[in-house]
Amino acid sequence: MRVQIRHLLTPDIDPTTFAPEDPERFMFMVQMLARPSDGPGEESFQFIVCTPGWLQDQVDRDGPMPGAHHVIVGTFDWPALKTFFQRLVSQCAGADWNEAATKLSRYSLYEFAHRTA
């Protein structure tokens, strides 16, 4: 079973107009709504998109931090991010939706993570 992206949502920014104040230090959340390619419905997978500079600022302020659910970028490039997410889901095929979603949840915060643990 393959994963299909239904929507990529960015509640923190408008990707068509976003221009970071500091191009080397920014972050925003991306919510991917995905489903089995051969079925209805959708489930939520969340990612934090950020730059190395933003990460360094967080570590300098708060100390060590976990790296789960982060997509690290050098610059803001929405088309490149869309391509990245498409490649990511293409690597998460499984025998059924649970297996595919479990694979994708390794990279994201999955709304049903308790089911895959």
PDB file of N, CA and C in Angstrom:
ATOM      1  N   MET A   1       0.834  -1.174   0.000  1.00  0.00           N
ATOM      2  CA  MET A   1       0.000   0.000   0.000  1.00  0.00           C
ATOM      3  C   MET A   1       0.882   1.241   0.000  1.00  0.00           C
ATOM      4  N   ARG A   2       0.505   2.173  -0.845  1.00  0.00           N
ATOM      5  CA  ARG A   2       1.249   3.433  -0.946  1.00  0.00           C
ATOM      6  C   ARG A   2       0.516   4.539  -0.209  1.00  0.00           C
ATOM      7  N   VAL A   3       1.271   5.558   0.188  1.00  0.00           N
ATOM      8  CA  VAL A   3       0.726   6.718   0.881  1.00  0.00           C
ATOM      9  C   VAL A   3       0.503   7.834  -0.138  1.00  0.00           C
ATOM     10  N   GLN A   4      -0.627   8.499  -0.023  1.00  0.00           N
ATOM     11  CA  GLN A   4      -0.942   9.646  -0.887  1.00  0.00           C
ATOM     12  C   GLN A   4      -1.098  10.885  -0.015  1.00  0.00           C
ATOM     13  N   ILE A   5      -0.421  11.960  -0.372  1.00  0.00           N
ATOM     14  CA  ILE A   5      -0.597  13.234   0.319  1.00  0.00           C
ATOM     15  C   ILE A   5      -1.881  13.877  -0.191  1.00  0.00           C
ATOM     16  N   ARG A   6      -2.790  14.173   0.720  1.00  0.00           N
ATOM     17  CA  ARG A   6      -4.024  14.884   0.354  1.00  0.00           C
ATOM     18  C   ARG A   6      -3.800  16.399   0.414  1.00  0.00           C
ATOM     19  N   HIS A   7      -3.139  16.842   1.493  1.00  0.00           N
ATOM     20  CA  HIS A   7      -2.894  18.278   1.681  1.00  0.00           C
ATOM     21  C   HIS A   7      -1.610  18.475   2.472  1.00  0.00           C
ATOM     22  N   LEU A   8      -0.920  19.567   2.171  1.00  0.00           N
ATOM     23  CA  LEU A   8       0.168  20.061   3.014  1.00  0.00           C
ATOM     24  C   LEU A   8      -0.293  21.426   3.514  1.00  0.00           C
ATOM     25  N   LEU A   9      -0.488  21.528   4.813  1.00  0.00           N
ATOM     26  CA  LEU A   9      -0.988  22.752   5.423  1.00  0.00           C
ATOM     27  C   LEU A   9       0.115  23.389   6.256  1.00  0.00           C
ATOM     28  N   THR A  10       0.152  24.699   6.248  1.00  0.00           N
ATOM     29  CA  THR A  10       1.135  25.422   7.038  1.00  0.00           C
ATOM     30  C   THR A  10       0.395  26.497   7.832  1.00  0.00           C
ATOM     31  N   PRO A  11      -0.121  26.144   9.018  1.00  0.00           N
ATOM     32  CA  PRO A  11      -0.902  27.107   9.783  1.00  0.00           C
ATOM     33  C   PRO A  11      -0.099  28.308  10.266  1.00  0.00           C
ATOM     34  N   ASP A  12       1.224  28.210  10.301  1.00  0.00           N
ATOM     35  CA  ASP A  12       2.062  29.306  10.781  1.00  0.00           C
ATOM     36  C   ASP A  12       2.388  30.339   9.709  1.00  0.00           C
ATOM     37  N   ILE A  13       2.329  29.933   8.445  1.00  0.00           N
ATOM     38  CA  ILE A  13       2.736  30.837   7.351  1.00  0.00           C
ATOM     39  C   ILE A  13       1.823  30.629   6.149  1.00  0.00           C
ATOM     40  N   ASP A  14       1.908  31.544   5.209  1.00  0.00           N
ATOM     41  CA  ASP A  14       1.319  31.358   3.881  1.00  0.00           C
ATOM     42  C   ASP A  14       2.494  31.077   2.944  1.00  0.00           C
ATOM     43  N   PRO A  15       2.620  29.835   2.465  1.00  0.00           N
ATOM     44  CA  PRO A  15       3.814  29.497   1.675  1.00  0.00           C
ATOM     45  C   PRO A  15       3.933  30.273   0.366  1.00  0.00           C
ATOM     46  N   THR A  16       2.856  30.881  -0.098  1.00  0.00           N
ATOM     47  CA  THR A  16       2.945  31.646  -1.349  1.00  0.00           C
ATOM     48  C   THR A  16       3.521  33.041  -1.136  1.00  0.00           C
ATOM     49  N   THR A  17       3.524  33.531   0.112  1.00  0.00           N
ATOM     50  CA  THR A  17       4.023  34.881   0.372  1.00  0.00           C
ATOM     51  C   THR A  17       5.096  34.937   1.455  1.00  0.00           C
ATOM     52  N   PHE A  18       5.400  33.815   2.094  1.00  0.00           N
ATOM     53  CA  PHE A  18       6.325  33.812   3.221  1.00  0.00           C
ATOM     54  C   PHE A  18       7.716  34.257   2.803  1.00  0.00           C
ATOM     55  N   ALA A  19       8.235  35.208   3.552  1.00  0.00           N
ATOM     56  CA  ALA A  19       9.626  35.650   3.414  1.00  0.00           C
ATOM     57  C   ALA A  19      10.150  35.817   4.836  1.00  0.00           C
ATOM     58  N   PRO A  20      10.978  34.897   5.300  1.00  0.00           N
ATOM     59  CA  PRO A  20      11.428  34.972   6.692  1.00  0.00           C
ATOM     60  C   PRO A  20      12.177  36.268   6.982  1.00  0.00           C
ATOM     61  N   GLU A  21      11.952  36.816   8.183  1.00  0.00           N
ATOM     62  CA  GLU A  21      12.684  38.017   8.593  1.00  0.00           C
ATOM     63  C   GLU A  21      14.180  37.762   8.564  1.00  0.00           C
ATOM     64  N   ASP A  22      14.574  36.608   9.080  1.00  0.00           N
ATOM     65  CA  ASP A  22      15.976  36.192   9.045  1.00  0.00           C
ATOM     66  C   ASP A  22      16.023  34.876   8.272  1.00  0.00           C
ATOM     67  N   PRO A  23      16.494  34.889   7.029  1.00  0.00           N
ATOM     68  CA  PRO A  23      16.489  33.675   6.212  1.00  0.00           C
ATOM     69  C   PRO A  23      17.331  32.527   6.779  1.00  0.00           C
ATOM     70  N   GLU A  24      18.184  32.822   7.756  1.00  0.00           N
ATOM     71  CA  GLU A  24      19.000  31.779   8.362  1.00  0.00           C
ATOM     72  C   GLU A  24      18.430  31.274   9.678  1.00  0.00           C
ATOM     73  N   ARG A  25      17.311  31.883  10.148  1.00  0.00           N
ATOM     74  CA  ARG A  25      16.729  31.505  11.433  1.00  0.00           C
ATOM     75  C   ARG A  25      15.211  31.602  11.357  1.00  0.00           C
ATOM     76  N   PHE A  26      14.604  30.495  11.007  1.00  0.00           N
ATOM     77  CA  PHE A  26      13.141  30.461  11.005  1.00  0.00           C
ATOM     78  C   PHE A  26      12.655  29.045  11.224  1.00  0.00           C
ATOM     79  N   MET A  27      11.402  28.949  11.609  1.00  0.00           N
ATOM     80  CA  MET A  27      10.741  27.645  11.750  1.00  0.00           C
ATOM     81  C   MET A  27       9.257  27.834  11.532  1.00  0.00           C
ATOM     82  N   PHE A  28       8.612  26.765  11.077  1.00  0.00           N
ATOM     83  CA  PHE A  28       7.160  26.729  10.955  1.00  0.00           C
ATOM     84  C   PHE A  28       6.726  25.276  10.926  1.00  0.00           C
ATOM     85  N   MET A  29       5.465  25.069  11.221  1.00  0.00           N
ATOM     86  CA  MET A  29       4.917  23.716  11.250  1.00  0.00           C
ATOM     87  C   MET A  29       4.258  23.401   9.908  1.00  0.00           C
ATOM     88  N   VAL A  30       4.435  22.168   9.475  1.00  0.00           N
ATOM     89  CA  VAL A  30       3.721  21.652   8.303  1.00  0.00           C
ATOM     90  C   VAL A  30       2.882  20.471   8.770  1.00  0.00           C
ATOM     91  N   GLN A  31       1.625  20.512   8.437  1.00  0.00           N
ATOM     92  CA  GLN A  31       0.735  19.388   8.720  1.00  0.00           C
ATOM     93  C   GLN A  31       0.442  18.698   7.399  1.00  0.00           C
ATOM     94  N   MET A  32       0.805  17.429   7.323  1.00  0.00           N
ATOM     95  CA  MET A  32       0.516  16.625   6.140  1.00  0.00           C
ATOM     96  C   MET A  32      -0.734  15.795   6.426  1.00  0.00           C
ATOM     97  N   LEU A  33      -1.730  15.924   5.576  1.00  0.00           N
ATOM     98  CA  LEU A  33      -2.889  15.050   5.644  1.00  0.00           C
ATOM     99  C   LEU A  33      -2.695  14.001   4.562  1.00  0.00           C
ATOM    100  N   ALA A  34      -2.610  12.745   4.973  1.00  0.00           N
ATOM    101  CA  ALA A  34      -2.291  11.658   4.052  1.00  0.00           C
ATOM    102  C   ALA A  34      -3.281  10.520   4.233  1.00  0.00           C
ATOM    103  N   ARG A  35      -3.321   9.665   3.215  1.00  0.00           N
ATOM    104  CA  ARG A  35      -4.235   8.518   3.244  1.00  0.00           C
ATOM    105  C   ARG A  35      -3.659   7.407   2.381  1.00  0.00           C
ATOM    106  N   PRO A  36      -4.272   6.224   2.460  1.00  0.00           N
ATOM    107  CA  PRO A  36      -3.874   5.173   1.529  1.00  0.00           C
ATOM    108  C   PRO A  36      -4.201   5.619   0.107  1.00  0.00           C
ATOM    109  N   SER A  37      -3.333   5.318  -0.831  1.00  0.00           N
ATOM    110  CA  SER A  37      -3.557   5.765  -2.212  1.00  0.00           C
ATOM    111  C   SER A  37      -4.794   5.141  -2.830  1.00  0.00           C
ATOM    112  N   ASP A  38      -5.267   4.035  -2.270  1.00  0.00           N
ATOM    113  CA  ASP A  38      -6.435   3.365  -2.851  1.00  0.00           C
ATOM    114  C   ASP A  38      -7.673   3.459  -1.960  1.00  0.00           C
ATOM    115  N   GLY A  39      -7.714   4.445  -1.062  1.00  0.00           N
ATOM    116  CA  GLY A  39      -8.861   4.496  -0.173  1.00  0.00           C
ATOM    117  C   GLY A  39      -9.210   5.890   0.298  1.00  0.00           C
ATOM    118  N   PRO A  40     -10.330   5.995   1.004  1.00  0.00           N
ATOM    119  CA  PRO A  40     -10.793   7.289   1.511  1.00  0.00           C
ATOM    120  C   PRO A  40     -10.119   7.642   2.832  1.00  0.00           C
ATOM    121  N   GLY A  41     -10.473   8.816   3.339  1.00  0.00           N
ATOM    122  CA  GLY A  41     -10.007   9.256   4.639  1.00  0.00           C
ATOM    123  C   GLY A  41      -8.684   9.976   4.568  1.00  0.00           C
ATOM    124  N   GLU A  42      -8.256  10.430   5.720  1.00  0.00           N
ATOM    125  CA  GLU A  42      -6.954  11.077   5.822  1.00  0.00           C
ATOM    126  C   GLU A  42      -6.562  11.124   7.296  1.00  0.00           C
ATOM    127  N   GLU A  43      -5.271  11.103   7.538  1.00  0.00           N
ATOM    128  CA  GLU A  43      -4.743  11.186   8.881  1.00  0.00           C
ATOM    129  C   GLU A  43      -3.639  12.233   8.891  1.00  0.00           C
ATOM    130  N   SER A  44      -3.366  12.778  10.066  1.00  0.00           N
ATOM    131  CA  SER A  44      -2.472  13.918  10.213  1.00  0.00           C
ATOM    132  C   SER A  44      -1.077  13.501  10.663  1.00  0.00           C
ATOM    133  N   PHE A  45      -0.076  14.072   9.998  1.00  0.00           N
ATOM    134  CA  PHE A  45       1.330  13.898  10.338  1.00  0.00           C
ATOM    135  C   PHE A  45       1.934  15.303  10.384  1.00  0.00           C
ATOM    136  N   GLN A  46       2.592  15.652  11.485  1.00  0.00           N
ATOM    137  CA  GLN A  46       3.116  17.011  11.636  1.00  0.00           C
ATOM    138  C   GLN A  46       4.636  17.017  11.654  1.00  0.00           C
ATOM    139  N   PHE A  47       5.184  18.081  11.075  1.00  0.00           N
ATOM    140  CA  PHE A  47       6.627  18.274  10.971  1.00  0.00           C
ATOM    141  C   PHE A  47       6.963  19.711  11.359  1.00  0.00           C
ATOM    142  N   ILE A  48       8.121  19.911  11.967  1.00  0.00           N
ATOM    143  CA  ILE A  48       8.662  21.246  12.206  1.00  0.00           C
ATOM    144  C   ILE A  48       9.731  21.474  11.144  1.00  0.00           C
ATOM    145  N   VAL A  49       9.541  22.473  10.306  1.00  0.00           N
ATOM    146  CA  VAL A  49      10.524  22.851   9.295  1.00  0.00           C
ATOM    147  C   VAL A  49      11.345  23.986   9.897  1.00  0.00           C
ATOM    148  N   CYS A  50      12.662  23.836   9.883  1.00  0.00           N
ATOM    149  CA  CYS A  50      13.495  24.868  10.500  1.00  0.00           C
ATOM    150  C   CYS A  50      14.881  24.889   9.860  1.00  0.00           C
ATOM    151  N   THR A  51      15.596  25.960  10.154  1.00  0.00           N
ATOM    152  CA  THR A  51      16.975  26.105   9.681  1.00  0.00           C
ATOM    153  C   THR A  51      17.943  25.694  10.790  1.00  0.00           C
ATOM    154  N   PRO A  52      19.194  25.383  10.426  1.00  0.00           N
ATOM    155  CA  PRO A  52      20.203  25.086  11.453  1.00  0.00           C
ATOM    156  C   PRO A  52      20.396  26.257  12.429  1.00  0.00           C
ATOM    157  N   GLY A  53      20.288  27.479  11.930  1.00  0.00           N
ATOM    158  CA  GLY A  53      20.437  28.652  12.803  1.00  0.00           C
ATOM    159  C   GLY A  53      19.356  28.715  13.860  1.00  0.00           C
ATOM    160  N   TRP A  54      18.127  28.387  13.480  1.00  0.00           N
ATOM    161  CA  TRP A  54      17.026  28.370  14.448  1.00  0.00           C
ATOM    162  C   TRP A  54      17.280  27.294  15.496  1.00  0.00           C
ATOM    163  N   LEU A  55      17.706  26.104  15.042  1.00  0.00           N
ATOM    164  CA  LEU A  55      18.024  25.028  15.984  1.00  0.00           C
ATOM    165  C   LEU A  55      19.126  25.450  16.958  1.00  0.00           C
ATOM    166  N   GLN A  56      20.169  26.080  16.426  1.00  0.00           N
ATOM    167  CA  GLN A  56      21.274  26.527  17.289  1.00  0.00           C
ATOM    168  C   GLN A  56      20.776  27.513  18.325  1.00  0.00           C
ATOM    169  N   ASP A  57      19.904  28.427  17.940  1.00  0.00           N
ATOM    170  CA  ASP A  57      19.346  29.383  18.901  1.00  0.00           C
ATOM    171  C   ASP A  57      18.599  28.664  20.015  1.00  0.00           C
ATOM    172  N   GLN A  58      17.846  27.617  19.667  1.00  0.00           N
ATOM    173  CA  GLN A  58      17.091  26.865  20.678  1.00  0.00           C
ATOM    174  C   GLN A  58      18.035  26.160  21.646  1.00  0.00           C
ATOM    175  N   VAL A  59      19.088  25.542  21.101  1.00  0.00           N
ATOM    176  CA  VAL A  59      20.053  24.834  21.943  1.00  0.00           C
ATOM    177  C   VAL A  59      20.811  25.830  22.831  1.00  0.00           C
ATOM    178  N   ASP A  60      21.192  26.971  22.271  1.00  0.00           N
ATOM    179  CA  ASP A  60      21.891  27.981  23.068  1.00  0.00           C
ATOM    180  C   ASP A  60      21.015  28.466  24.220  1.00  0.00           C
ATOM    181  N   ARG A  61      19.735  28.585  23.971  1.00  0.00           N
ATOM    182  CA  ARG A  61      18.803  29.089  24.987  1.00  0.00           C
ATOM    183  C   ARG A  61      18.422  28.015  26.003  1.00  0.00           C
ATOM    184  N   ASP A  62      18.107  26.782  25.504  1.00  0.00           N
ATOM    185  CA  ASP A  62      17.509  25.756  26.361  1.00  0.00           C
ATOM    186  C   ASP A  62      18.389  24.538  26.621  1.00  0.00           C
ATOM    187  N   GLY A  63      19.502  24.421  25.944  1.00  0.00           N
ATOM    188  CA  GLY A  63      20.337  23.232  26.087  1.00  0.00           C
ATOM    189  C   GLY A  63      19.907  22.156  25.109  1.00  0.00           C
ATOM    190  N   PRO A  64      20.333  20.913  25.339  1.00  0.00           N
ATOM    191  CA  PRO A  64      20.025  19.825  24.403  1.00  0.00           C
ATOM    192  C   PRO A  64      18.531  19.685  24.132  1.00  0.00           C
ATOM    193  N   MET A  65      18.225  19.279  22.914  1.00  0.00           N
ATOM    194  CA  MET A  65      16.836  19.078  22.517  1.00  0.00           C
ATOM    195  C   MET A  65      16.729  17.854  21.631  1.00  0.00           C
ATOM    196  N   PRO A  66      15.564  17.185  21.616  1.00  0.00           N
ATOM    197  CA  PRO A  66      15.395  16.042  20.714  1.00  0.00           C
ATOM    198  C   PRO A  66      15.238  16.535  19.274  1.00  0.00           C
ATOM    199  N   GLY A  67      15.561  15.685  18.332  1.00  0.00           N
ATOM    200  CA  GLY A  67      15.469  16.069  16.932  1.00  0.00           C
ATOM    201  C   GLY A  67      14.278  15.486  16.200  1.00  0.00           C
ATOM    202  N   ALA A  68      13.412  14.779  16.908  1.00  0.00           N
ATOM    203  CA  ALA A  68      12.273  14.136  16.252  1.00  0.00           C
ATOM    204  C   ALA A  68      11.362  15.153  15.574  1.00  0.00           C
ATOM    205  N   HIS A  69      10.827  14.763  14.443  1.00  0.00           N
ATOM    206  CA  HIS A  69       9.798  15.500  13.708  1.00  0.00           C
ATOM    207  C   HIS A  69      10.307  16.762  13.017  1.00  0.00           C
ATOM    208  N   HIS A  70      11.597  16.959  12.934  1.00  0.00           N
ATOM    209  CA  HIS A  70      12.159  18.157  12.314  1.00  0.00           C
ATOM    210  C   HIS A  70      12.597  17.879  10.873  1.00  0.00           C
ATOM    211  N   VAL A  71      12.340  18.839  10.011  1.00  0.00           N
ATOM    212  CA  VAL A  71      12.861  18.848   8.645  1.00  0.00           C
ATOM    213  C   VAL A  71      13.763  20.071   8.581  1.00  0.00           C
ATOM    214  N   ILE A  72      15.046  19.847   8.374  1.00  0.00           N
ATOM    215  CA  ILE A  72      16.021  20.930   8.436  1.00  0.00           C
ATOM    216  C   ILE A  72      16.328  21.404   7.020  1.00  0.00           C
ATOM    217  N   VAL A  73      16.197  22.715   6.823  1.00  0.00           N
ATOM    218  CA  VAL A  73      16.387  23.317   5.507  1.00  0.00           C
ATOM    219  C   VAL A  73      17.446  24.408   5.582  1.00  0.00           C
ATOM    220  N   GLY A  74      18.066  24.695   4.450  1.00  0.00           N
ATOM    221  CA  GLY A  74      19.038  25.783   4.371  1.00  0.00           C
ATOM    222  C   GLY A  74      18.393  27.106   4.024  1.00  0.00           C
ATOM    223  N   THR A  75      17.309  27.037   3.239  1.00  0.00           N
ATOM    224  CA  THR A  75      16.575  28.233   2.827  1.00  0.00           C
ATOM    225  C   THR A  75      15.098  27.867   2.721  1.00  0.00           C
ATOM    226  N   PHE A  76      14.254  28.872   2.621  1.00  0.00           N
ATOM    227  CA  PHE A  76      12.841  28.607   2.408  1.00  0.00           C
ATOM    228  C   PHE A  76      12.611  28.400   0.916  1.00  0.00           C
ATOM    229  N   ASP A  77      12.104  27.215   0.576  1.00  0.00           N
ATOM    230  CA  ASP A  77      11.805  26.874  -0.814  1.00  0.00           C
ATOM    231  C   ASP A  77      10.613  25.921  -0.781  1.00  0.00           C
ATOM    232  N   TRP A  78       9.396  26.474  -0.892  1.00  0.00           N
ATOM    233  CA  TRP A  78       8.188  25.661  -0.777  1.00  0.00           C
ATOM    234  C   TRP A  78       8.130  24.553  -1.832  1.00  0.00           C
ATOM    235  N   PRO A  79       8.421  24.810  -3.111  1.00  0.00           N
ATOM    236  CA  PRO A  79       8.407  23.710  -4.079  1.00  0.00           C
ATOM    237  C   PRO A  79       9.377  22.579  -3.703  1.00  0.00           C
ATOM    238  N   ALA A  80      10.557  22.917  -3.182  1.00  0.00           N
ATOM    239  CA  ALA A  80      11.507  21.879  -2.763  1.00  0.00           C
ATOM    240  C   ALA A  80      10.956  21.101  -1.571  1.00  0.00           C
ATOM    241  N   LEU A  81      10.266  21.770  -0.660  1.00  0.00           N
ATOM    242  CA  LEU A  81       9.659  21.065   0.469  1.00  0.00           C
ATOM    243  C   LEU A  81       8.569  20.117  -0.002  1.00  0.00           C
ATOM    244  N   LYS A  82       7.747  20.551  -0.937  1.00  0.00           N
ATOM    245  CA  LYS A  82       6.697  19.671  -1.470  1.00  0.00           C
ATOM    246  C   LYS A  82       7.327  18.437  -2.108  1.00  0.00           C
ATOM    247  N   THR A  83       8.412  18.620  -2.842  1.00  0.00           N
ATOM    248  CA  THR A  83       9.122  17.490  -3.447  1.00  0.00           C
ATOM    249  C   THR A  83       9.692  16.576  -2.376  1.00  0.00           C
ATOM    250  N   PHE A  84      10.268  17.161  -1.332  1.00  0.00           N
ATOM    251  CA  PHE A  84      10.802  16.370  -0.218  1.00  0.00           C
ATOM    252  C   PHE A  84       9.706  15.498   0.396  1.00  0.00           C
ATOM    253  N   PHE A  85       8.553  16.084   0.693  1.00  0.00           N
ATOM    254  CA  PHE A  85       7.478  15.321   1.322  1.00  0.00           C
ATOM    255  C   PHE A  85       6.956  14.230   0.383  1.00  0.00           C
ATOM    256  N   GLN A  86       6.899  14.505  -0.897  1.00  0.00           N
ATOM    257  CA  GLN A  86       6.467  13.478  -1.852  1.00  0.00           C
ATOM    258  C   GLN A  86       7.448  12.309  -1.875  1.00  0.00           C
ATOM    259  N   ARG A  87       8.753  12.606  -1.876  1.00  0.00           N
ATOM    260  CA  ARG A  87       9.765  11.545  -1.819  1.00  0.00           C
ATOM    261  C   ARG A  87       9.665  10.758  -0.525  1.00  0.00           C
ATOM    262  N   LEU A  88       9.430  11.472   0.569  1.00  0.00           N
ATOM    263  CA  LEU A  88       9.325  10.803   1.862  1.00  0.00           C
ATOM    264  C   LEU A  88       8.179   9.800   1.871  1.00  0.00           C
ATOM    265  N   VAL A  89       7.003  10.197   1.415  1.00  0.00           N
ATOM    266  CA  VAL A  89       5.869   9.260   1.448  1.00  0.00           C
ATOM    267  C   VAL A  89       6.078   8.110   0.468  1.00  0.00           C
ATOM    268  N   SER A  90       6.814   8.354  -0.604  1.00  0.00           N
ATOM    269  CA  SER A  90       7.058   7.260  -1.553  1.00  0.00           C
ATOM    270  C   SER A  90       7.927   6.170  -0.930  1.00  0.00           C
ATOM    271  N   GLN A  91       8.663   6.496   0.117  1.00  0.00           N
ATOM    272  CA  GLN A  91       9.516   5.523   0.811  1.00  0.00           C
ATOM    273  C   GLN A  91       8.781   4.825   1.961  1.00  0.00           C
ATOM    274  N   CYS A  92       7.519   5.157   2.164  1.00  0.00           N
ATOM    275  CA  CYS A  92       6.788   4.641   3.321  1.00  0.00           C
ATOM    276  C   CYS A  92       5.671   3.673   2.941  1.00  0.00           C
ATOM    277  N   ALA A  93       5.790   3.002   1.820  1.00  0.00           N
ATOM    278  CA  ALA A  93       4.793   2.005   1.439  1.00  0.00           C
ATOM    279  C   ALA A  93       4.839   0.841   2.424  1.00  0.00           C
ATOM    280  N   GLY A  94       3.709   0.150   2.557  1.00  0.00           N
ATOM    281  CA  GLY A  94       3.647  -0.993   3.457  1.00  0.00           C
ATOM    282  C   GLY A  94       2.629  -2.001   2.990  1.00  0.00           C
ATOM    283  N   ALA A  95       2.547  -3.104   3.686  1.00  0.00           N
ATOM    284  CA  ALA A  95       1.586  -4.155   3.344  1.00  0.00           C
ATOM    285  C   ALA A  95       0.148  -3.679   3.559  1.00  0.00           C
ATOM    286  N   ASP A  96      -0.039  -2.765   4.520  1.00  0.00           N
ATOM    287  CA  ASP A  96      -1.365  -2.195   4.791  1.00  0.00           C
ATOM    288  C   ASP A  96      -1.157  -0.770   5.307  1.00  0.00           C
ATOM    289  N   TRP A  97      -2.266  -0.064   5.587  1.00  0.00           N
ATOM    290  CA  TRP A  97      -2.171   1.326   6.019  1.00  0.00           C
ATOM    291  C   TRP A  97      -1.426   1.435   7.347  1.00  0.00           C
ATOM    292  N   ASN A  98      -1.660   0.538   8.274  1.00  0.00           N
ATOM    293  CA  ASN A  98      -0.989   0.619   9.569  1.00  0.00           C
ATOM    294  C   ASN A  98       0.532   0.568   9.398  1.00  0.00           C
ATOM    295  N   GLU A  99       1.015  -0.317   8.552  1.00  0.00           N
ATOM    296  CA  GLU A  99       2.459  -0.403   8.327  1.00  0.00           C
ATOM    297  C   GLU A  99       2.990   0.862   7.654  1.00  0.00           C
ATOM    298  N   ALA A 100       2.282   1.348   6.644  1.00  0.00           N
ATOM    299  CA  ALA A 100       2.715   2.556   5.940  1.00  0.00           C
ATOM    300  C   ALA A 100       2.698   3.765   6.879  1.00  0.00           C
ATOM    301  N   ALA A 101       1.634   3.923   7.660  1.00  0.00           N
ATOM    302  CA  ALA A 101       1.536   5.037   8.600  1.00  0.00           C
ATOM    303  C   ALA A 101       2.614   4.942   9.677  1.00  0.00           C
ATOM    304  N   THR A 102       2.919   3.740  10.121  1.00  0.00           N
ATOM    305  CA  THR A 102       3.979   3.555  11.112  1.00  0.00           C
ATOM    306  C   THR A 102       5.312   4.017  10.548  1.00  0.00           C
ATOM    307  N   LYS A 103       5.594   3.684   9.300  1.00  0.00           N
ATOM    308  CA  LYS A 103       6.845   4.133   8.670  1.00  0.00           C
ATOM    309  C   LYS A 103       6.895   5.655   8.607  1.00  0.00           C
ATOM    310  N   LEU A 104       5.801   6.284   8.179  1.00  0.00           N
ATOM    311  CA  LEU A 104       5.765   7.740   8.074  1.00  0.00           C
ATOM    312  C   LEU A 104       5.852   8.394   9.454  1.00  0.00           C
ATOM    313  N   SER A 105       5.294   7.737  10.463  1.00  0.00           N
ATOM    314  CA  SER A 105       5.323   8.308  11.814  1.00  0.00           C
ATOM    315  C   SER A 105       6.733   8.354  12.393  1.00  0.00           C
ATOM    316  N   ARG A 106       7.672   7.631  11.828  1.00  0.00           N
ATOM    317  CA  ARG A 106       9.058   7.702  12.288  1.00  0.00           C
ATOM    318  C   ARG A 106       9.666   9.073  12.021  1.00  0.00           C
ATOM    319  N   TYR A 107       9.095   9.807  11.086  1.00  0.00           N
ATOM    320  CA  TYR A 107       9.606  11.119  10.689  1.00  0.00           C
ATOM    321  C   TYR A 107       8.725  12.262  11.156  1.00  0.00           C
ATOM    322  N   SER A 108       7.575  11.969  11.721  1.00  0.00           N
ATOM    323  CA  SER A 108       6.577  12.994  12.003  1.00  0.00           C
ATOM    324  C   SER A 108       5.912  12.755  13.345  1.00  0.00           C
ATOM    325  N   LEU A 109       5.122  13.722  13.754  1.00  0.00           N
ATOM    326  CA  LEU A 109       4.237  13.544  14.891  1.00  0.00           C
ATOM    327  C   LEU A 109       2.905  13.092  14.313  1.00  0.00           C
ATOM    328  N   TYR A 110       2.565  11.833  14.550  1.00  0.00           N
ATOM    329  CA  TYR A 110       1.390  11.193  13.943  1.00  0.00           C
ATOM    330  C   TYR A 110       0.229  11.270  14.909  1.00  0.00           C
ATOM    331  N   GLU A 111      -0.935  11.657  14.411  1.00  0.00           N
ATOM    332  CA  GLU A 111      -2.087  11.833  15.293  1.00  0.00           C
ATOM    333  C   GLU A 111      -2.493  10.539  16.001  1.00  0.00           C
ATOM    334  N   PHE A 112      -2.175   9.387  15.431  1.00  0.00           N
ATOM    335  CA  PHE A 112      -2.518   8.112  16.042  1.00  0.00           C
ATOM    336  C   PHE A 112      -1.282   7.345  16.471  1.00  0.00           C
ATOM    337  N   ALA A 113      -0.266   8.051  16.924  1.00  0.00           N
ATOM    338  CA  ALA A 113       1.008   7.414  17.286  1.00  0.00           C
ATOM    339  C   ALA A 113       0.830   6.323  18.325  1.00  0.00           C
ATOM    340  N   HIS A 114      -0.133   6.458  19.199  1.00  0.00           N
ATOM    341  CA  HIS A 114      -0.347   5.422  20.221  1.00  0.00           C
ATOM    342  C   HIS A 114      -0.749   4.092  19.607  1.00  0.00           C
ATOM    343  N   ARG A 115      -1.345   4.118  18.413  1.00  0.00           N
ATOM    344  CA  ARG A 115      -1.723   2.865  17.752  1.00  0.00           C
ATOM    345  C   ARG A 115      -0.529   2.156  17.166  1.00  0.00           C
ATOM    346  N   THR A 116       0.546   2.882  16.866  1.00  0.00           N
ATOM    347  CA  THR A 116       1.697   2.289  16.184  1.00  0.00           C
ATOM    348  C   THR A 116       2.799   1.897  17.146  1.00  0.00           C
ATOM    349  N   ALA A 117       2.665   2.241  18.397  1.00  0.00           N
ATOM    350  CA  ALA A 117       3.731   1.957  19.367  1.00  0.00           C
ATOM    351  C   ALA A 117       3.738   0.496  19.775  1.00  0.00           C
TER     352      ALA A 117
END
